[in-house]
């Protein structure tokens, strides 16, 4: 699989509103996580190449039930 394929899979995952936090991807799609880390050096770097906002990913992680209701 190429870097372009990994980027496409990350973007597709984002479009489908699946979690993009490292922990979520390690549980849901180990292959994608491993490939991204191997090809880009780190998951965060792969997200940057895919154009995914890191701020949004961090915000998703920190949302608790009360934050969601607000």
C-alpha atoms as a PDB file:
ATOM      1  CA  UNK A   1       0.000   0.000   0.000  1.00  0.00           C
ATOM      2  CA  UNK A   2       1.292   3.464  -0.871  1.00  0.00           C
ATOM      3  CA  UNK A   3       1.302   6.686   1.095  1.00  0.00           C
ATOM      4  CA  UNK A   4      -1.502   7.913  -1.148  1.00  0.00           C
ATOM      5  CA  UNK A   5      -3.627   4.888  -0.226  1.00  0.00           C
ATOM      6  CA  UNK A   6      -3.071   5.514   3.473  1.00  0.00           C
ATOM      7  CA  UNK A   7      -4.076   9.164   3.055  1.00  0.00           C
ATOM      8  CA  UNK A   8      -7.222   8.095   1.203  1.00  0.00           C
ATOM      9  CA  UNK A   9      -8.138   5.685   3.993  1.00  0.00           C
ATOM     10  CA  UNK A  10      -7.593   8.368   6.648  1.00  0.00           C
ATOM     11  CA  UNK A  11      -9.738  10.850   4.713  1.00  0.00           C
ATOM     12  CA  UNK A  12     -12.445   8.209   4.207  1.00  0.00           C
ATOM     13  CA  UNK A  13     -12.379   7.414   7.919  1.00  0.00           C
ATOM     14  CA  UNK A  14     -12.711  11.131   8.681  1.00  0.00           C
ATOM     15  CA  UNK A  15     -15.596  11.533   6.211  1.00  0.00           C
ATOM     16  CA  UNK A  16     -17.392   8.597   7.812  1.00  0.00           C
ATOM     17  CA  UNK A  17     -16.840  10.285  11.201  1.00  0.00           C
ATOM     18  CA  UNK A  18     -14.901   7.387  12.689  1.00  0.00           C
ATOM     19  CA  UNK A  19     -12.494   8.345  15.450  1.00  0.00           C
ATOM     20  CA  UNK A  20      -9.065   9.496  14.373  1.00  0.00           C
ATOM     21  CA  UNK A  21      -7.404   9.478  17.759  1.00  0.00           C
ATOM     22  CA  UNK A  22      -4.513   7.013  17.911  1.00  0.00           C
ATOM     23  CA  UNK A  23      -6.275   4.838  20.455  1.00  0.00           C
ATOM     24  CA  UNK A  24      -9.435   4.560  18.337  1.00  0.00           C
ATOM     25  CA  UNK A  25      -7.554   3.650  15.167  1.00  0.00           C
ATOM     26  CA  UNK A  26      -5.357   1.127  16.989  1.00  0.00           C
ATOM     27  CA  UNK A  27      -8.540  -0.647  18.096  1.00  0.00           C
ATOM     28  CA  UNK A  28     -10.598  -0.295  14.895  1.00  0.00           C
ATOM     29  CA  UNK A  29      -8.026  -0.515  12.096  1.00  0.00           C
ATOM     30  CA  UNK A  30      -4.649  -1.787  13.251  1.00  0.00           C
ATOM     31  CA  UNK A  31      -3.468  -2.224   9.663  1.00  0.00           C
ATOM     32  CA  UNK A  32      -4.096   1.432   8.818  1.00  0.00           C
ATOM     33  CA  UNK A  33      -2.352   2.609  11.973  1.00  0.00           C
ATOM     34  CA  UNK A  34       0.681   0.389  11.419  1.00  0.00           C
ATOM     35  CA  UNK A  35       1.005   1.370   7.755  1.00  0.00           C
ATOM     36  CA  UNK A  36       0.653   5.069   8.541  1.00  0.00           C
ATOM     37  CA  UNK A  37       3.349   4.886  11.205  1.00  0.00           C
ATOM     38  CA  UNK A  38       5.660   2.904   8.943  1.00  0.00           C
ATOM     39  CA  UNK A  39       5.184   5.147   5.884  1.00  0.00           C
ATOM     40  CA  UNK A  40       4.971   8.535   7.648  1.00  0.00           C
ATOM     41  CA  UNK A  41       6.947   7.885  10.824  1.00  0.00           C
ATOM     42  CA  UNK A  42       4.062   8.720  13.177  1.00  0.00           C
ATOM     43  CA  UNK A  43       0.265   8.741  13.205  1.00  0.00           C
ATOM     44  CA  UNK A  44       0.206  12.524  13.749  1.00  0.00           C
ATOM     45  CA  UNK A  45       2.354  13.047  10.654  1.00  0.00           C
ATOM     46  CA  UNK A  46       0.013  10.900   8.556  1.00  0.00           C
ATOM     47  CA  UNK A  47      -2.941  12.991   9.760  1.00  0.00           C
ATOM     48  CA  UNK A  48      -1.116  16.161   8.745  1.00  0.00           C
ATOM     49  CA  UNK A  49      -0.465  14.794   5.251  1.00  0.00           C
ATOM     50  CA  UNK A  50      -4.152  13.844   5.026  1.00  0.00           C
ATOM     51  CA  UNK A  51      -5.120  17.402   5.960  1.00  0.00           C
ATOM     52  CA  UNK A  52      -6.936  16.392   9.120  1.00  0.00           C
ATOM     53  CA  UNK A  53      -7.088  19.031  11.801  1.00  0.00           C
ATOM     54  CA  UNK A  54      -5.234  17.865  14.895  1.00  0.00           C
ATOM     55  CA  UNK A  55      -7.186  20.348  17.001  1.00  0.00           C
ATOM     56  CA  UNK A  56     -10.449  18.664  16.051  1.00  0.00           C
ATOM     57  CA  UNK A  57      -9.046  15.232  16.890  1.00  0.00           C
ATOM     58  CA  UNK A  58      -7.911  16.447  20.312  1.00  0.00           C
ATOM     59  CA  UNK A  59     -11.283  18.079  20.927  1.00  0.00           C
ATOM     60  CA  UNK A  60     -13.064  14.826  20.072  1.00  0.00           C
ATOM     61  CA  UNK A  61     -10.958  13.027  22.682  1.00  0.00           C
ATOM     62  CA  UNK A  62     -11.733  15.556  25.388  1.00  0.00           C
ATOM     63  CA  UNK A  63     -15.506  15.702  24.905  1.00  0.00           C
ATOM     64  CA  UNK A  64     -17.357  14.319  27.870  1.00  0.00           C
ATOM     65  CA  UNK A  65     -21.099  13.762  28.151  1.00  0.00           C
ATOM     66  CA  UNK A  66     -21.696  17.290  29.487  1.00  0.00           C
ATOM     67  CA  UNK A  67     -19.680  18.882  26.680  1.00  0.00           C
ATOM     68  CA  UNK A  68     -21.645  16.994  24.071  1.00  0.00           C
ATOM     69  CA  UNK A  69     -24.946  18.133  25.548  1.00  0.00           C
ATOM     70  CA  UNK A  70     -23.810  21.769  25.513  1.00  0.00           C
END
